Amino acid sequence: MELIHPSVQAYAENFSSAEDMLLKEVNDFTVQEHAESVMLSGPLQGKVLEMISCMIRPRRILEIGTFTGYSALCLAKGLAVDGELHTIELREKDAVQARTFFDKSVYVDQIISHTGNALSIIPEMNEIWDLVFIDADKPAYIEYFNLVLPRLRKNGFILADNIFFHGQVLEENVKGKSAIGIKTFNEFIKERTDIDKVVLTIRDGLYLIRKLN
């Protein structure tokens, strides 16, 4: 399902700040070389991630799902001077490729890469998070949320990507484990009263969640 009209997408990108040279390199590489390039955040959503991070000025960012590194580089632009971004990728090939891009950036010493299962890695991290970006396997979204919320500071933010899952959550009978996982997550978030939340209708849907207490 086409969620955003191509003309609207093109107009929005045209009237937004352009991606920098490194982000363009990541974008071009992913589109040309990666079989799952549709997973790339892209320039418009990337700029939104950057803007949110710059507004918050986080000291600690956690990204669950690195892919080729585009979103991490966007989020890193808002880091405090002494800040760190920890990013976790299950697939070693993607983690290695993303690291090559991180090593070219001014954030080389601030982005810490982890390879493996986030459900195992997150409990071992002794950090208080200011900003968390969830963009990994969809059936585990609730598990990720439950792991990070206790370690998120009051008024800290969680961003959850792909909450429309290509429009499949809009269908009457949702099928497939990923679409079902996202639908279940969305309903789970909607019913919670300990968070503030808003759905951003950008790209494949972005949940913006703020911890209240």
N, C-alpha and C. Protein backbone atom coordinates (compact mmCIF):
# COMPACT_ATOMS: atom_id res chain seq x y z
N MET A 1 0.85 -1.20 0.00
CA MET A 1 0.00 0.00 0.00
C MET A 1 0.89 1.25 0.00
N GLU A 2 0.58 2.18 -0.90
CA GLU A 2 1.33 3.43 -0.97
C GLU A 2 0.73 4.42 0.03
N LEU A 3 1.46 4.72 1.09
CA LEU A 3 0.92 5.54 2.18
C LEU A 3 1.07 7.03 1.91
N ILE A 4 2.18 7.41 1.31
CA ILE A 4 2.45 8.82 1.04
C ILE A 4 2.50 9.02 -0.47
N HIS A 5 1.72 9.97 -0.97
CA HIS A 5 1.73 10.24 -2.40
C HIS A 5 3.13 10.66 -2.83
N PRO A 6 3.64 10.09 -3.92
CA PRO A 6 5.02 10.42 -4.36
C PRO A 6 5.25 11.91 -4.56
N SER A 7 4.24 12.63 -5.05
CA SER A 7 4.41 14.07 -5.26
C SER A 7 4.53 14.81 -3.94
N VAL A 8 3.78 14.36 -2.94
CA VAL A 8 3.88 14.97 -1.60
C VAL A 8 5.26 14.68 -1.00
N GLN A 9 5.72 13.43 -1.15
CA GLN A 9 7.03 13.05 -0.64
C GLN A 9 8.13 13.89 -1.29
N ALA A 10 8.07 14.02 -2.61
CA ALA A 10 9.07 14.78 -3.35
C ALA A 10 9.04 16.26 -2.95
N TYR A 11 7.85 16.81 -2.77
CA TYR A 11 7.71 18.21 -2.37
C TYR A 11 8.31 18.43 -0.99
N ALA A 12 7.99 17.52 -0.06
CA ALA A 12 8.52 17.64 1.31
C ALA A 12 10.03 17.56 1.32
N GLU A 13 10.60 16.66 0.55
CA GLU A 13 12.05 16.53 0.50
C GLU A 13 12.68 17.77 -0.13
N ASN A 14 12.03 18.32 -1.14
CA ASN A 14 12.55 19.48 -1.85
C ASN A 14 12.60 20.72 -0.95
N PHE A 15 11.66 20.82 -0.02
CA PHE A 15 11.59 21.99 0.84
C PHE A 15 12.19 21.73 2.24
N SER A 16 12.90 20.63 2.37
CA SER A 16 13.63 20.32 3.61
C SER A 16 15.13 20.43 3.34
N SER A 17 15.91 20.60 4.40
CA SER A 17 17.36 20.67 4.24
C SER A 17 17.89 19.37 3.64
N ALA A 18 18.83 19.49 2.76
CA ALA A 18 19.40 18.32 2.09
C ALA A 18 20.28 17.52 3.05
N GLU A 19 20.39 16.23 2.79
CA GLU A 19 21.28 15.39 3.59
C GLU A 19 22.73 15.77 3.30
N ASP A 20 23.61 15.55 4.28
CA ASP A 20 25.02 15.87 4.07
C ASP A 20 25.68 14.80 3.20
N MET A 21 26.95 14.99 2.87
CA MET A 21 27.64 14.11 1.94
C MET A 21 27.76 12.68 2.45
N LEU A 22 28.02 12.52 3.75
CA LEU A 22 28.15 11.17 4.29
C LEU A 22 26.80 10.45 4.27
N LEU A 23 25.75 11.14 4.65
CA LEU A 23 24.42 10.52 4.60
C LEU A 23 24.04 10.15 3.17
N LYS A 24 24.40 10.99 2.23
CA LYS A 24 24.13 10.67 0.82
C LYS A 24 24.89 9.43 0.40
N GLU A 25 26.12 9.29 0.90
CA GLU A 25 26.91 8.10 0.60
C GLU A 25 26.24 6.85 1.16
N VAL A 26 25.76 6.94 2.39
CA VAL A 26 25.07 5.80 3.01
C VAL A 26 23.80 5.48 2.21
N ASN A 27 23.05 6.51 1.87
CA ASN A 27 21.82 6.34 1.11
C ASN A 27 22.10 5.67 -0.23
N ASP A 28 23.05 6.21 -0.98
CA ASP A 28 23.37 5.68 -2.30
C ASP A 28 23.85 4.24 -2.22
N PHE A 29 24.73 3.97 -1.26
CA PHE A 29 25.23 2.59 -1.10
C PHE A 29 24.08 1.63 -0.82
N THR A 30 23.21 2.00 0.10
CA THR A 30 22.13 1.11 0.51
C THR A 30 21.16 0.84 -0.63
N VAL A 31 20.78 1.88 -1.35
CA VAL A 31 19.85 1.74 -2.47
C VAL A 31 20.46 0.88 -3.58
N GLN A 32 21.75 1.05 -3.81
CA GLN A 32 22.39 0.35 -4.92
C GLN A 32 22.86 -1.06 -4.57
N GLU A 33 23.22 -1.29 -3.30
CA GLU A 33 23.89 -2.54 -2.94
C GLU A 33 23.10 -3.45 -1.99
N HIS A 34 22.10 -2.93 -1.30
CA HIS A 34 21.43 -3.73 -0.28
C HIS A 34 20.07 -4.21 -0.78
N ALA A 35 19.83 -5.51 -0.64
CA ALA A 35 18.58 -6.10 -1.12
C ALA A 35 17.36 -5.60 -0.35
N GLU A 36 17.58 -5.07 0.85
CA GLU A 36 16.47 -4.60 1.68
C GLU A 36 16.55 -3.08 1.88
N SER A 37 16.89 -2.38 0.83
CA SER A 37 17.08 -0.93 0.92
C SER A 37 15.81 -0.19 1.35
N VAL A 38 14.65 -0.83 1.20
CA VAL A 38 13.39 -0.20 1.63
C VAL A 38 13.41 0.10 3.13
N MET A 39 14.29 -0.56 3.88
CA MET A 39 14.38 -0.36 5.33
C MET A 39 15.10 0.94 5.70
N LEU A 40 15.74 1.57 4.74
CA LEU A 40 16.48 2.81 5.00
C LEU A 40 15.55 3.94 5.45
N SER A 41 15.94 4.69 6.45
CA SER A 41 15.11 5.81 6.91
C SER A 41 14.93 6.85 5.81
N GLY A 42 16.00 7.17 5.10
CA GLY A 42 15.91 8.15 4.02
C GLY A 42 16.00 9.58 4.51
N PRO A 43 16.16 10.53 3.56
CA PRO A 43 16.46 11.91 3.93
C PRO A 43 15.37 12.62 4.72
N LEU A 44 14.09 12.39 4.42
CA LEU A 44 13.04 13.12 5.12
C LEU A 44 12.89 12.64 6.56
N GLN A 45 12.74 11.33 6.75
CA GLN A 45 12.64 10.82 8.11
C GLN A 45 13.94 11.03 8.86
N GLY A 46 15.06 10.90 8.14
CA GLY A 46 16.35 11.14 8.78
C GLY A 46 16.44 12.55 9.34
N LYS A 47 15.94 13.52 8.59
CA LYS A 47 15.96 14.89 9.08
C LYS A 47 15.05 15.06 10.28
N VAL A 48 13.92 14.37 10.31
CA VAL A 48 13.04 14.42 11.48
C VAL A 48 13.75 13.85 12.71
N LEU A 49 14.44 12.73 12.54
CA LEU A 49 15.19 12.14 13.64
C LEU A 49 16.26 13.10 14.14
N GLU A 50 16.95 13.73 13.20
CA GLU A 50 17.98 14.70 13.56
C GLU A 50 17.38 15.87 14.34
N MET A 51 16.25 16.41 13.87
CA MET A 51 15.62 17.55 14.52
C MET A 51 15.18 17.21 15.94
N ILE A 52 14.58 16.03 16.11
CA ILE A 52 14.13 15.60 17.44
C ILE A 52 15.34 15.49 18.38
N SER A 53 16.40 14.87 17.88
CA SER A 53 17.61 14.72 18.69
C SER A 53 18.20 16.08 19.05
N CYS A 54 18.22 17.00 18.09
CA CYS A 54 18.76 18.34 18.36
C CYS A 54 17.91 19.10 19.37
N MET A 55 16.61 18.86 19.38
CA MET A 55 15.74 19.51 20.36
C MET A 55 15.98 18.97 21.77
N ILE A 56 16.26 17.68 21.86
CA ILE A 56 16.44 17.04 23.16
C ILE A 56 17.85 17.23 23.69
N ARG A 57 18.85 17.23 22.80
CA ARG A 57 20.26 17.26 23.15
C ARG A 57 20.61 16.13 24.13
N PRO A 58 20.37 14.90 23.75
CA PRO A 58 20.56 13.76 24.66
C PRO A 58 22.03 13.48 24.96
N ARG A 59 22.26 12.98 26.16
CA ARG A 59 23.59 12.49 26.53
C ARG A 59 23.73 11.01 26.18
N ARG A 60 22.61 10.29 26.23
CA ARG A 60 22.65 8.87 25.93
C ARG A 60 21.49 8.51 24.99
N ILE A 61 21.86 7.99 23.83
CA ILE A 61 20.89 7.50 22.85
C ILE A 61 21.09 6.00 22.68
N LEU A 62 19.99 5.27 22.60
CA LEU A 62 20.02 3.84 22.27
C LEU A 62 19.25 3.63 20.98
N GLU A 63 19.89 2.99 20.02
CA GLU A 63 19.22 2.62 18.78
C GLU A 63 19.17 1.11 18.70
N ILE A 64 17.97 0.57 18.53
CA ILE A 64 17.78 -0.88 18.40
C ILE A 64 17.49 -1.17 16.93
N GLY A 65 18.51 -1.62 16.22
CA GLY A 65 18.41 -1.85 14.79
C GLY A 65 19.23 -0.83 14.03
N THR A 66 20.48 -1.17 13.69
CA THR A 66 21.40 -0.22 13.06
C THR A 66 21.21 -0.14 11.56
N PHE A 67 20.97 -1.28 10.92
CA PHE A 67 20.92 -1.44 9.47
C PHE A 67 22.25 -0.92 8.89
N THR A 68 22.23 0.01 7.95
CA THR A 68 23.50 0.48 7.38
C THR A 68 24.00 1.78 8.00
N GLY A 69 23.33 2.23 9.05
CA GLY A 69 23.88 3.34 9.84
C GLY A 69 23.29 4.71 9.60
N TYR A 70 22.35 4.83 8.67
CA TYR A 70 21.81 6.14 8.31
C TYR A 70 21.13 6.83 9.50
N SER A 71 20.22 6.13 10.15
CA SER A 71 19.46 6.74 11.25
C SER A 71 20.36 7.08 12.42
N ALA A 72 21.37 6.25 12.71
CA ALA A 72 22.29 6.54 13.82
C ALA A 72 23.05 7.84 13.56
N LEU A 73 23.50 8.04 12.32
CA LEU A 73 24.22 9.26 11.99
C LEU A 73 23.32 10.49 12.11
N CYS A 74 22.04 10.32 11.79
CA CYS A 74 21.09 11.43 11.95
C CYS A 74 20.88 11.74 13.43
N LEU A 75 20.65 10.72 14.24
CA LEU A 75 20.41 10.91 15.66
C LEU A 75 21.65 11.48 16.36
N ALA A 76 22.83 11.07 15.92
CA ALA A 76 24.07 11.52 16.56
C ALA A 76 24.26 13.03 16.45
N LYS A 77 23.62 13.67 15.49
CA LYS A 77 23.81 15.10 15.29
C LYS A 77 23.27 15.94 16.45
N GLY A 78 22.41 15.36 17.28
CA GLY A 78 21.89 16.09 18.42
C GLY A 78 22.58 15.77 19.73
N LEU A 79 23.57 14.88 19.70
CA LEU A 79 24.24 14.47 20.94
C LEU A 79 24.88 15.64 21.67
N ALA A 80 24.80 15.57 23.00
CA ALA A 80 25.56 16.51 23.82
C ALA A 80 27.05 16.29 23.57
N VAL A 81 27.85 17.28 23.94
CA VAL A 81 29.29 17.20 23.69
C VAL A 81 29.90 15.94 24.29
N ASP A 82 29.41 15.56 25.47
CA ASP A 82 29.93 14.37 26.14
C ASP A 82 29.02 13.17 25.93
N GLY A 83 28.16 13.23 24.91
CA GLY A 83 27.17 12.19 24.70
C GLY A 83 27.69 10.96 23.97
N GLU A 84 26.90 9.88 24.05
CA GLU A 84 27.19 8.63 23.35
C GLU A 84 25.92 8.08 22.74
N LEU A 85 26.07 7.44 21.62
CA LEU A 85 24.98 6.71 20.99
C LEU A 85 25.37 5.25 20.89
N HIS A 86 24.59 4.38 21.49
CA HIS A 86 24.81 2.94 21.41
C HIS A 86 23.83 2.36 20.41
N THR A 87 24.32 1.66 19.43
CA THR A 87 23.45 1.09 18.40
C THR A 87 23.69 -0.42 18.31
N ILE A 88 22.59 -1.16 18.18
CA ILE A 88 22.64 -2.63 18.21
C ILE A 88 22.12 -3.19 16.89
N GLU A 89 22.89 -4.07 16.27
CA GLU A 89 22.48 -4.71 15.02
C GLU A 89 22.68 -6.22 15.13
N LEU A 90 21.65 -6.97 14.77
CA LEU A 90 21.71 -8.43 14.85
C LEU A 90 22.62 -9.02 13.78
N ARG A 91 22.54 -8.47 12.57
CA ARG A 91 23.26 -9.04 11.43
C ARG A 91 24.67 -8.46 11.34
N GLU A 92 25.65 -9.33 11.41
CA GLU A 92 27.05 -8.89 11.46
C GLU A 92 27.45 -8.11 10.21
N LYS A 93 26.99 -8.54 9.03
CA LYS A 93 27.37 -7.86 7.80
C LYS A 93 26.91 -6.41 7.80
N ASP A 94 25.66 -6.17 8.23
CA ASP A 94 25.16 -4.81 8.30
C ASP A 94 25.89 -4.00 9.36
N ALA A 95 26.19 -4.64 10.50
CA ALA A 95 26.89 -3.94 11.58
C ALA A 95 28.27 -3.49 11.13
N VAL A 96 28.97 -4.35 10.40
CA VAL A 96 30.30 -4.02 9.91
C VAL A 96 30.22 -2.89 8.88
N GLN A 97 29.25 -2.97 7.98
CA GLN A 97 29.10 -1.92 6.98
C GLN A 97 28.78 -0.57 7.63
N ALA A 98 27.87 -0.59 8.58
CA ALA A 98 27.51 0.65 9.28
C ALA A 98 28.73 1.25 9.97
N ARG A 99 29.55 0.39 10.57
CA ARG A 99 30.73 0.88 11.28
C ARG A 99 31.69 1.60 10.33
N THR A 100 31.78 1.15 9.10
CA THR A 100 32.67 1.83 8.15
C THR A 100 32.20 3.27 7.90
N PHE A 101 30.89 3.47 7.91
CA PHE A 101 30.36 4.83 7.75
C PHE A 101 30.55 5.64 9.03
N PHE A 102 30.34 5.02 10.18
CA PHE A 102 30.54 5.73 11.45
C PHE A 102 31.98 6.22 11.57
N ASP A 103 32.91 5.38 11.11
CA ASP A 103 34.33 5.72 11.23
C ASP A 103 34.73 6.89 10.34
N LYS A 104 33.90 7.23 9.38
CA LYS A 104 34.14 8.39 8.52
C LYS A 104 33.55 9.67 9.10
N SER A 105 32.77 9.55 10.14
CA SER A 105 32.01 10.69 10.66
C SER A 105 32.74 11.38 11.81
N VAL A 106 32.28 12.57 12.14
CA VAL A 106 32.84 13.30 13.28
C VAL A 106 32.40 12.68 14.59
N TYR A 107 31.48 11.72 14.52
CA TYR A 107 30.96 11.07 15.73
C TYR A 107 31.61 9.71 15.96
N VAL A 108 32.74 9.48 15.30
CA VAL A 108 33.39 8.17 15.36
C VAL A 108 33.62 7.70 16.78
N ASP A 109 33.96 8.61 17.70
CA ASP A 109 34.23 8.21 19.09
C ASP A 109 32.98 8.23 19.97
N GLN A 110 31.88 8.72 19.42
CA GLN A 110 30.64 8.82 20.20
C GLN A 110 29.63 7.74 19.87
N ILE A 111 29.82 7.06 18.74
CA ILE A 111 28.91 5.98 18.34
C ILE A 111 29.55 4.66 18.70
N ILE A 112 28.88 3.92 19.58
CA ILE A 112 29.36 2.61 20.04
C ILE A 112 28.50 1.54 19.41
N SER A 113 29.15 0.65 18.64
CA SER A 113 28.44 -0.40 17.91
C SER A 113 28.39 -1.69 18.72
N HIS A 114 27.23 -2.33 18.71
CA HIS A 114 27.05 -3.64 19.34
C HIS A 114 26.45 -4.58 18.30
N THR A 115 26.96 -5.79 18.25
CA THR A 115 26.44 -6.79 17.31
C THR A 115 25.87 -7.97 18.09
N GLY A 116 24.62 -8.32 17.78
CA GLY A 116 23.99 -9.44 18.46
C GLY A 116 22.52 -9.17 18.73
N ASN A 117 21.95 -10.01 19.58
CA ASN A 117 20.53 -9.92 19.91
C ASN A 117 20.31 -8.83 20.96
N ALA A 118 19.52 -7.82 20.59
CA ALA A 118 19.28 -6.68 21.49
C ALA A 118 18.64 -7.12 22.80
N LEU A 119 17.83 -8.17 22.77
CA LEU A 119 17.17 -8.63 23.99
C LEU A 119 18.18 -9.15 25.01
N SER A 120 19.32 -9.58 24.53
CA SER A 120 20.39 -10.02 25.43
C SER A 120 21.35 -8.90 25.78
N ILE A 121 21.57 -8.00 24.85
CA ILE A 121 22.54 -6.93 25.05
C ILE A 121 22.01 -5.82 25.95
N ILE A 122 20.76 -5.41 25.77
CA ILE A 122 20.22 -4.27 26.51
C ILE A 122 20.28 -4.46 28.04
N PRO A 123 19.93 -5.63 28.57
CA PRO A 123 20.00 -5.79 30.04
C PRO A 123 21.39 -5.63 30.62
N GLU A 124 22.42 -5.80 29.78
CA GLU A 124 23.80 -5.68 30.24
C GLU A 124 24.32 -4.24 30.20
N MET A 125 23.53 -3.32 29.68
CA MET A 125 23.97 -1.94 29.51
C MET A 125 23.56 -1.12 30.73
N ASN A 126 24.53 -0.56 31.40
CA ASN A 126 24.27 0.21 32.62
C ASN A 126 24.19 1.69 32.27
N GLU A 127 23.08 2.07 31.62
CA GLU A 127 22.90 3.45 31.18
C GLU A 127 21.48 3.93 31.51
N ILE A 128 21.35 5.23 31.63
CA ILE A 128 20.04 5.87 31.69
C ILE A 128 19.87 6.59 30.36
N TRP A 129 18.82 6.23 29.63
CA TRP A 129 18.65 6.73 28.27
C TRP A 129 17.82 8.01 28.24
N ASP A 130 18.21 8.91 27.35
CA ASP A 130 17.44 10.13 27.08
C ASP A 130 16.55 9.94 25.86
N LEU A 131 17.02 9.13 24.92
CA LEU A 131 16.31 8.92 23.65
C LEU A 131 16.57 7.50 23.18
N VAL A 132 15.50 6.80 22.80
CA VAL A 132 15.61 5.43 22.30
C VAL A 132 14.89 5.35 20.96
N PHE A 133 15.54 4.75 19.97
CA PHE A 133 14.93 4.54 18.66
C PHE A 133 14.80 3.04 18.44
N ILE A 134 13.56 2.57 18.29
CA ILE A 134 13.28 1.15 18.07
C ILE A 134 12.97 0.92 16.60
N ASP A 135 13.82 0.12 15.94
CA ASP A 135 13.63 -0.15 14.52
C ASP A 135 14.24 -1.50 14.18
N ALA A 136 13.80 -2.52 14.90
CA ALA A 136 14.34 -3.86 14.70
C ALA A 136 13.18 -4.82 14.41
N ASP A 137 13.32 -6.09 14.78
CA ASP A 137 12.27 -7.06 14.44
C ASP A 137 10.96 -6.70 15.13
N LYS A 138 9.92 -6.66 14.34
CA LYS A 138 8.64 -6.09 14.78
C LYS A 138 7.93 -6.90 15.87
N PRO A 139 7.97 -8.23 15.86
CA PRO A 139 7.29 -8.98 16.92
C PRO A 139 7.87 -8.72 18.32
N ALA A 140 9.09 -8.18 18.38
CA ALA A 140 9.75 -7.96 19.68
C ALA A 140 9.60 -6.53 20.18
N TYR A 141 8.83 -5.68 19.51
CA TYR A 141 8.73 -4.28 19.91
C TYR A 141 8.29 -4.11 21.36
N ILE A 142 7.32 -4.88 21.80
CA ILE A 142 6.85 -4.74 23.18
C ILE A 142 7.95 -5.15 24.15
N GLU A 143 8.69 -6.19 23.82
CA GLU A 143 9.81 -6.62 24.67
C GLU A 143 10.88 -5.52 24.75
N TYR A 144 11.20 -4.92 23.63
CA TYR A 144 12.17 -3.83 23.64
C TYR A 144 11.67 -2.68 24.51
N PHE A 145 10.42 -2.32 24.32
CA PHE A 145 9.84 -1.22 25.09
C PHE A 145 9.92 -1.51 26.59
N ASN A 146 9.54 -2.70 26.98
CA ASN A 146 9.55 -3.05 28.40
C ASN A 146 10.96 -3.09 28.97
N LEU A 147 11.95 -3.39 28.15
CA LEU A 147 13.33 -3.40 28.60
C LEU A 147 13.86 -1.99 28.81
N VAL A 148 13.52 -1.07 27.92
CA VAL A 148 14.14 0.25 27.98
C VAL A 148 13.38 1.25 28.85
N LEU A 149 12.07 1.08 28.99
CA LEU A 149 11.30 2.08 29.73
C LEU A 149 11.81 2.29 31.15
N PRO A 150 12.14 1.24 31.92
CA PRO A 150 12.64 1.47 33.28
C PRO A 150 13.97 2.22 33.32
N ARG A 151 14.72 2.18 32.21
CA ARG A 151 16.01 2.86 32.15
C ARG A 151 15.94 4.15 31.36
N LEU A 152 14.74 4.61 31.08
CA LEU A 152 14.54 5.88 30.39
C LEU A 152 14.26 6.95 31.43
N ARG A 153 14.95 8.09 31.31
CA ARG A 153 14.74 9.15 32.29
C ARG A 153 13.32 9.72 32.17
N LYS A 154 12.84 10.34 33.23
CA LYS A 154 11.56 11.03 33.17
C LYS A 154 11.61 12.08 32.07
N ASN A 155 10.57 12.13 31.27
CA ASN A 155 10.48 13.01 30.10
C ASN A 155 11.43 12.60 28.98
N GLY A 156 12.03 11.42 29.09
CA GLY A 156 12.79 10.87 27.99
C GLY A 156 11.87 10.38 26.89
N PHE A 157 12.43 10.14 25.71
CA PHE A 157 11.62 9.81 24.54
C PHE A 157 11.99 8.47 23.93
N ILE A 158 10.96 7.78 23.44
CA ILE A 158 11.12 6.58 22.64
C ILE A 158 10.50 6.85 21.28
N LEU A 159 11.23 6.52 20.22
CA LEU A 159 10.71 6.58 18.86
C LEU A 159 10.60 5.16 18.34
N ALA A 160 9.42 4.77 17.88
CA ALA A 160 9.22 3.44 17.31
C ALA A 160 8.86 3.57 15.84
N ASP A 161 9.64 2.93 14.98
CA ASP A 161 9.48 3.08 13.54
C ASP A 161 8.57 2.00 12.96
N ASN A 162 8.09 2.27 11.75
CA ASN A 162 7.30 1.31 10.95
C ASN A 162 5.99 0.90 11.60
N ILE A 163 5.34 1.82 12.30
CA ILE A 163 4.13 1.43 13.03
C ILE A 163 2.89 1.31 12.13
N PHE A 164 3.03 1.63 10.84
CA PHE A 164 1.97 1.32 9.88
C PHE A 164 2.25 0.00 9.16
N PHE A 165 3.48 -0.42 9.22
CA PHE A 165 3.98 -1.62 8.54
C PHE A 165 3.41 -1.74 7.13
N HIS A 166 3.80 -0.80 6.30
CA HIS A 166 3.43 -0.78 4.89
C HIS A 166 1.91 -0.73 4.68
N GLY A 167 1.21 -0.20 5.68
CA GLY A 167 -0.24 -0.09 5.59
C GLY A 167 -0.99 -1.33 6.01
N GLN A 168 -0.28 -2.39 6.37
CA GLN A 168 -0.95 -3.65 6.69
C GLN A 168 -1.75 -3.58 7.99
N VAL A 169 -1.35 -2.69 8.92
CA VAL A 169 -2.10 -2.59 10.17
C VAL A 169 -3.47 -1.94 9.96
N LEU A 170 -3.66 -1.32 8.79
CA LEU A 170 -4.94 -0.68 8.49
C LEU A 170 -5.97 -1.68 7.97
N GLU A 171 -5.52 -2.86 7.63
CA GLU A 171 -6.42 -3.87 7.08
C GLU A 171 -7.27 -4.50 8.17
N GLU A 172 -8.43 -4.97 7.78
CA GLU A 172 -9.36 -5.56 8.76
C GLU A 172 -8.80 -6.83 9.38
N ASN A 173 -8.22 -7.67 8.54
CA ASN A 173 -7.62 -8.91 9.03
C ASN A 173 -6.11 -8.84 8.80
N VAL A 174 -5.40 -8.51 9.86
CA VAL A 174 -3.95 -8.36 9.76
C VAL A 174 -3.30 -9.73 9.74
N LYS A 175 -2.39 -9.93 8.78
CA LYS A 175 -1.72 -11.21 8.62
C LYS A 175 -0.21 -11.00 8.66
N GLY A 176 0.50 -12.08 8.96
CA GLY A 176 1.96 -12.02 9.02
C GLY A 176 2.44 -11.62 10.40
N LYS A 177 3.51 -12.27 10.86
CA LYS A 177 3.94 -12.06 12.25
C LYS A 177 4.43 -10.63 12.49
N SER A 178 5.04 -10.00 11.49
CA SER A 178 5.54 -8.63 11.69
C SER A 178 4.39 -7.64 11.78
N ALA A 179 3.43 -7.75 10.88
CA ALA A 179 2.27 -6.86 10.91
C ALA A 179 1.46 -7.06 12.19
N ILE A 180 1.29 -8.30 12.59
CA ILE A 180 0.57 -8.59 13.83
C ILE A 180 1.34 -8.03 15.02
N GLY A 181 2.68 -8.17 14.98
CA GLY A 181 3.51 -7.64 16.06
C GLY A 181 3.36 -6.13 16.20
N ILE A 182 3.34 -5.43 15.08
CA ILE A 182 3.19 -3.97 15.11
C ILE A 182 1.79 -3.58 15.58
N LYS A 183 0.77 -4.25 15.08
CA LYS A 183 -0.60 -3.96 15.50
C LYS A 183 -0.75 -4.15 17.01
N THR A 184 -0.18 -5.23 17.52
CA THR A 184 -0.25 -5.50 18.96
C THR A 184 0.50 -4.43 19.75
N PHE A 185 1.66 -4.03 19.25
CA PHE A 185 2.44 -2.97 19.90
C PHE A 185 1.66 -1.66 19.93
N ASN A 186 1.08 -1.28 18.80
CA ASN A 186 0.32 -0.03 18.74
C ASN A 186 -0.83 -0.02 19.76
N GLU A 187 -1.53 -1.13 19.85
CA GLU A 187 -2.64 -1.23 20.81
C GLU A 187 -2.12 -1.18 22.24
N PHE A 188 -0.98 -1.82 22.48
CA PHE A 188 -0.33 -1.83 23.79
C PHE A 188 0.04 -0.40 24.22
N ILE A 189 0.63 0.36 23.30
CA ILE A 189 1.02 1.74 23.59
C ILE A 189 -0.21 2.62 23.81
N LYS A 190 -1.22 2.44 22.99
CA LYS A 190 -2.43 3.26 23.10
C LYS A 190 -3.07 3.17 24.48
N GLU A 191 -3.04 2.00 25.09
CA GLU A 191 -3.73 1.78 26.36
C GLU A 191 -2.92 2.22 27.58
N ARG A 192 -1.64 2.52 27.41
CA ARG A 192 -0.82 2.88 28.56
C ARG A 192 -1.12 4.31 29.00
N THR A 193 -1.11 4.52 30.32
CA THR A 193 -1.38 5.86 30.87
C THR A 193 -0.13 6.49 31.50
N ASP A 194 0.99 5.78 31.47
CA ASP A 194 2.22 6.30 32.06
C ASP A 194 3.12 6.97 31.03
N ILE A 195 2.60 7.13 29.82
CA ILE A 195 3.35 7.75 28.75
C ILE A 195 2.45 8.71 27.98
N ASP A 196 3.07 9.66 27.33
CA ASP A 196 2.38 10.55 26.39
C ASP A 196 2.82 10.11 25.00
N LYS A 197 1.92 10.14 24.03
CA LYS A 197 2.30 9.61 22.72
C LYS A 197 1.56 10.30 21.58
N VAL A 198 2.22 10.32 20.42
CA VAL A 198 1.61 10.86 19.21
C VAL A 198 2.16 10.08 18.02
N VAL A 199 1.28 9.80 17.08
CA VAL A 199 1.67 9.11 15.85
C VAL A 199 2.02 10.16 14.79
N LEU A 200 3.23 10.04 14.24
CA LEU A 200 3.66 10.91 13.16
C LEU A 200 3.46 10.17 11.84
N THR A 201 2.69 10.77 10.94
CA THR A 201 2.37 10.11 9.67
C THR A 201 3.44 10.43 8.63
N ILE A 202 4.64 10.00 8.92
CA ILE A 202 5.77 10.18 8.01
C ILE A 202 6.29 8.81 7.62
N ARG A 203 6.60 8.67 6.34
CA ARG A 203 7.13 7.42 5.79
C ARG A 203 6.21 6.25 6.18
N ASP A 204 6.70 5.32 6.98
CA ASP A 204 5.92 4.14 7.36
C ASP A 204 5.35 4.26 8.77
N GLY A 205 5.25 5.50 9.26
CA GLY A 205 4.67 5.72 10.59
C GLY A 205 5.73 5.71 11.67
N LEU A 206 5.70 6.72 12.53
CA LEU A 206 6.67 6.86 13.61
C LEU A 206 5.91 7.20 14.89
N TYR A 207 6.05 6.37 15.91
CA TYR A 207 5.43 6.62 17.21
C TYR A 207 6.40 7.45 18.06
N LEU A 208 5.97 8.60 18.52
CA LEU A 208 6.76 9.44 19.40
C LEU A 208 6.18 9.33 20.81
N ILE A 209 6.96 8.81 21.73
CA ILE A 209 6.49 8.44 23.07
C ILE A 209 7.34 9.15 24.12
N ARG A 210 6.69 9.75 25.10
CA ARG A 210 7.40 10.44 26.19
C ARG A 210 7.04 9.79 27.52
N LYS A 211 8.05 9.50 28.33
CA LYS A 211 7.83 8.91 29.64
C LYS A 211 7.38 9.99 30.61
N LEU A 212 6.29 9.75 31.31
CA LEU A 212 5.72 10.78 32.20
C LEU A 212 6.31 10.74 33.60
N ASN A 213 6.61 9.56 34.11
CA ASN A 213 7.07 9.48 35.51
C ASN A 213 8.38 8.67 35.60
